[in-house]
Amino acid sequence: MSIDEEEINLASFVKKNNVTETRESLNDLFKSFSLSLPIINISLYSSQGFHIHSMKDLNAIHDEVAPFLSGVYNLSISFQENLLQGDSIKLIQFYGEKNNIYVFKVNLELILVLETRDLRDIAEGLFDIQIRNLIMRVRKLLVDGGN
C-alpha cells in the first residue's frame, strides 16, 4: 500500500467512523498507516523542557487522543543535539487535537504526537522547539526504523 493510498484510507476511516477518543479507535486509525511510518511522541512541558521517545506501541499513546483529518498545519522543529544540529522537520499535515494533544504528519515519513500544557507554545501554527532531552535520534529512526 502506498502512502497516498494510506492517506486516503486514513481520511476515509475518520469520516466513516466518526473517531472517538478511545485507545481502540487510535489503534484502528493508525493500524495500516503505522506499518510504513514510524511514530514519535514529544511531551512538552513549558517549564521543564522536553521528552522524546519512540511510540512504536500505539497503546502507549494517551487514551484521549482523537486524531482527525483537518487541513494543513505547518510547524518547524529545531533539534538541539550534535547529530541533528541545524536540521529541522516540517510538519505538513495537522490531523487533530484533543485535550491539548496534537497529531501531525511529518514529511510523509513519520507521525508526531505533540502534547503541550500551554497553548501559547503553539502560536500561528509555526514555532521552533528546542529539544533539551533528545533520547531517540530522529535521523536514525527515519533511516532504519530505530533498530
Protein backbone atom coordinates (compact mmCIF):
# COMPACT_ATOMS: atom_id res chain seq x y z
CA MET A 1 0.00 0.00 0.00
CA SER A 2 1.42 3.35 -1.00
CA ILE A 3 1.50 6.40 1.24
CA ASP A 4 -1.15 8.06 -0.94
CA GLU A 5 -3.42 5.04 -0.53
CA GLU A 6 -2.81 5.09 3.22
CA GLU A 7 -3.72 8.77 3.35
CA ILE A 8 -6.98 8.10 1.52
CA ASN A 9 -7.77 5.19 3.82
CA LEU A 10 -6.94 7.29 6.88
CA ALA A 11 -9.24 10.10 5.78
CA SER A 12 -11.96 7.62 4.84
CA PHE A 13 -11.69 5.85 8.20
CA VAL A 14 -12.02 9.12 10.10
CA LYS A 15 -15.04 10.31 8.12
CA LYS A 16 -16.90 7.00 8.13
CA ASN A 17 -16.26 6.04 11.73
CA ASN A 18 -16.55 9.40 13.48
CA VAL A 19 -13.45 8.57 15.50
CA THR A 20 -13.87 8.69 19.27
CA GLU A 21 -11.25 9.31 21.92
CA THR A 22 -10.59 5.66 22.72
CA ARG A 23 -7.37 3.71 22.55
CA GLU A 24 -9.02 1.18 20.24
CA SER A 25 -10.01 3.90 17.77
CA LEU A 26 -6.48 5.26 17.72
CA ASN A 27 -5.07 1.79 17.10
CA ASP A 28 -7.50 1.25 14.23
CA LEU A 29 -6.75 4.67 12.82
CA PHE A 30 -3.01 4.07 12.60
CA LYS A 31 -3.07 0.32 12.03
CA SER A 32 -2.03 0.27 8.38
CA PHE A 33 -0.59 3.77 8.41
CA SER A 34 2.00 2.92 11.06
CA LEU A 35 3.37 -0.04 9.11
CA SER A 36 5.41 2.31 6.96
CA LEU A 37 5.56 5.42 9.14
CA PRO A 38 7.36 5.46 12.50
CA ILE A 39 5.68 7.42 15.26
CA ILE A 40 7.45 9.87 17.56
CA ASN A 41 5.94 11.32 20.69
CA ILE A 42 7.05 14.65 22.13
CA SER A 43 5.64 15.61 25.52
CA LEU A 44 6.11 19.32 26.04
CA TYR A 45 6.23 20.94 29.46
CA SER A 46 6.98 24.65 29.18
CA SER A 47 8.89 25.00 32.43
CA GLN A 48 10.66 21.63 32.38
CA GLY A 49 11.79 21.05 28.81
CA PHE A 50 11.01 18.17 26.50
CA HIS A 51 11.00 14.40 26.28
CA ILE A 52 11.09 12.46 23.02
CA HIS A 53 10.86 8.72 22.54
CA SER A 54 9.67 6.11 20.08
CA MET A 55 5.94 5.44 20.02
CA LYS A 56 6.00 2.07 18.27
CA ASP A 57 3.47 0.74 20.76
CA LEU A 58 0.30 2.63 19.89
CA ASN A 59 -1.31 1.54 23.16
CA ALA A 60 1.13 3.81 24.97
CA ILE A 61 -0.42 6.90 23.40
CA HIS A 62 -2.76 8.85 25.65
CA ASP A 63 -6.26 7.33 25.88
CA GLU A 64 -7.99 10.56 24.98
CA VAL A 65 -6.16 11.30 21.73
CA ALA A 66 -8.68 11.52 18.91
CA PRO A 67 -6.88 12.47 15.69
CA PHE A 68 -8.99 13.56 12.77
CA LEU A 69 -8.17 14.95 9.35
CA SER A 70 -8.30 18.74 9.41
CA GLY A 71 -6.41 20.82 6.89
CA VAL A 72 -2.73 21.66 6.77
CA TYR A 73 -0.74 22.88 9.75
CA ASN A 74 2.87 23.98 9.36
CA LEU A 75 5.32 23.61 12.22
CA SER A 76 9.08 23.67 12.44
CA ILE A 77 11.15 21.73 14.97
CA SER A 78 14.81 22.58 15.62
CA PHE A 79 16.82 19.89 17.38
CA GLN A 80 19.50 20.97 19.84
CA GLU A 81 21.76 17.94 19.51
CA ASN A 82 25.07 17.39 17.70
CA LEU A 83 23.93 14.80 15.16
CA LEU A 84 20.86 16.81 14.19
CA GLN A 85 22.20 20.30 14.72
CA GLY A 86 20.75 22.65 12.15
CA ASP A 87 18.20 20.12 10.95
CA SER A 88 14.52 20.82 11.06
CA ILE A 89 11.40 18.82 10.35
CA LYS A 90 8.45 20.45 8.65
CA LEU A 91 5.10 19.13 9.78
CA ILE A 92 2.84 19.19 6.75
CA GLN A 93 -0.44 17.73 7.97
CA PHE A 94 -2.45 18.52 11.08
CA TYR A 95 -4.72 15.60 11.97
CA GLY A 96 -6.37 16.95 15.06
CA GLU A 97 -6.36 17.96 18.70
CA LYS A 98 -7.93 16.56 21.85
CA ASN A 99 -7.21 17.73 25.38
CA ASN A 100 -4.03 19.59 24.41
CA ILE A 101 -2.68 16.67 22.37
CA TYR A 102 -1.86 17.43 18.73
CA VAL A 103 -1.30 14.87 15.98
CA PHE A 104 0.73 15.79 12.89
CA LYS A 105 2.10 14.11 9.80
CA VAL A 106 5.77 14.85 9.10
CA ASN A 107 7.33 14.82 5.63
CA LEU A 108 5.49 11.65 4.55
CA GLU A 109 7.91 9.77 6.79
CA LEU A 110 6.63 9.81 10.34
CA ILE A 111 3.75 10.71 12.61
CA LEU A 112 4.32 13.05 15.53
CA VAL A 113 2.15 13.36 18.61
CA LEU A 114 2.73 16.62 20.47
CA GLU A 115 1.38 17.17 23.96
CA THR A 116 1.50 20.66 25.42
CA ARG A 117 0.34 22.06 28.74
CA ASP A 118 0.40 25.62 27.46
CA LEU A 119 -1.39 26.56 24.24
CA ARG A 120 0.83 29.64 23.99
CA ASP A 121 3.52 27.20 22.87
CA ILE A 122 1.55 26.73 19.66
CA ALA A 123 1.40 30.14 18.02
CA GLU A 124 0.17 30.80 14.49
CA GLY A 125 0.90 27.18 13.60
CA LEU A 126 4.63 27.84 13.31
CA PHE A 127 7.27 27.70 16.07
CA ASP A 128 10.64 26.24 16.98
CA ILE A 129 11.08 23.65 19.70
CA GLN A 130 14.47 23.48 21.36
CA ILE A 131 14.86 19.87 22.45
CA ARG A 132 16.67 19.57 25.79
CA ASN A 133 16.46 15.81 26.10
CA LEU A 134 16.76 14.03 22.75
CA ILE A 135 16.54 10.35 23.58
CA MET A 136 15.60 8.97 20.18
CA ARG A 137 17.79 10.19 17.32
CA VAL A 138 15.28 11.12 14.68
CA ARG A 139 17.63 10.60 11.76
CA LYS A 140 18.33 7.02 12.86
CA LEU A 141 14.59 6.41 13.20
CA LEU A 142 13.98 7.67 9.67
CA VAL A 143 16.86 5.68 8.18
CA ASP A 144 16.41 2.27 9.77
CA GLY A 145 13.27 2.39 11.88
CA GLY A 146 15.22 2.89 15.09
CA ASN A 147 16.80 -0.57 15.04
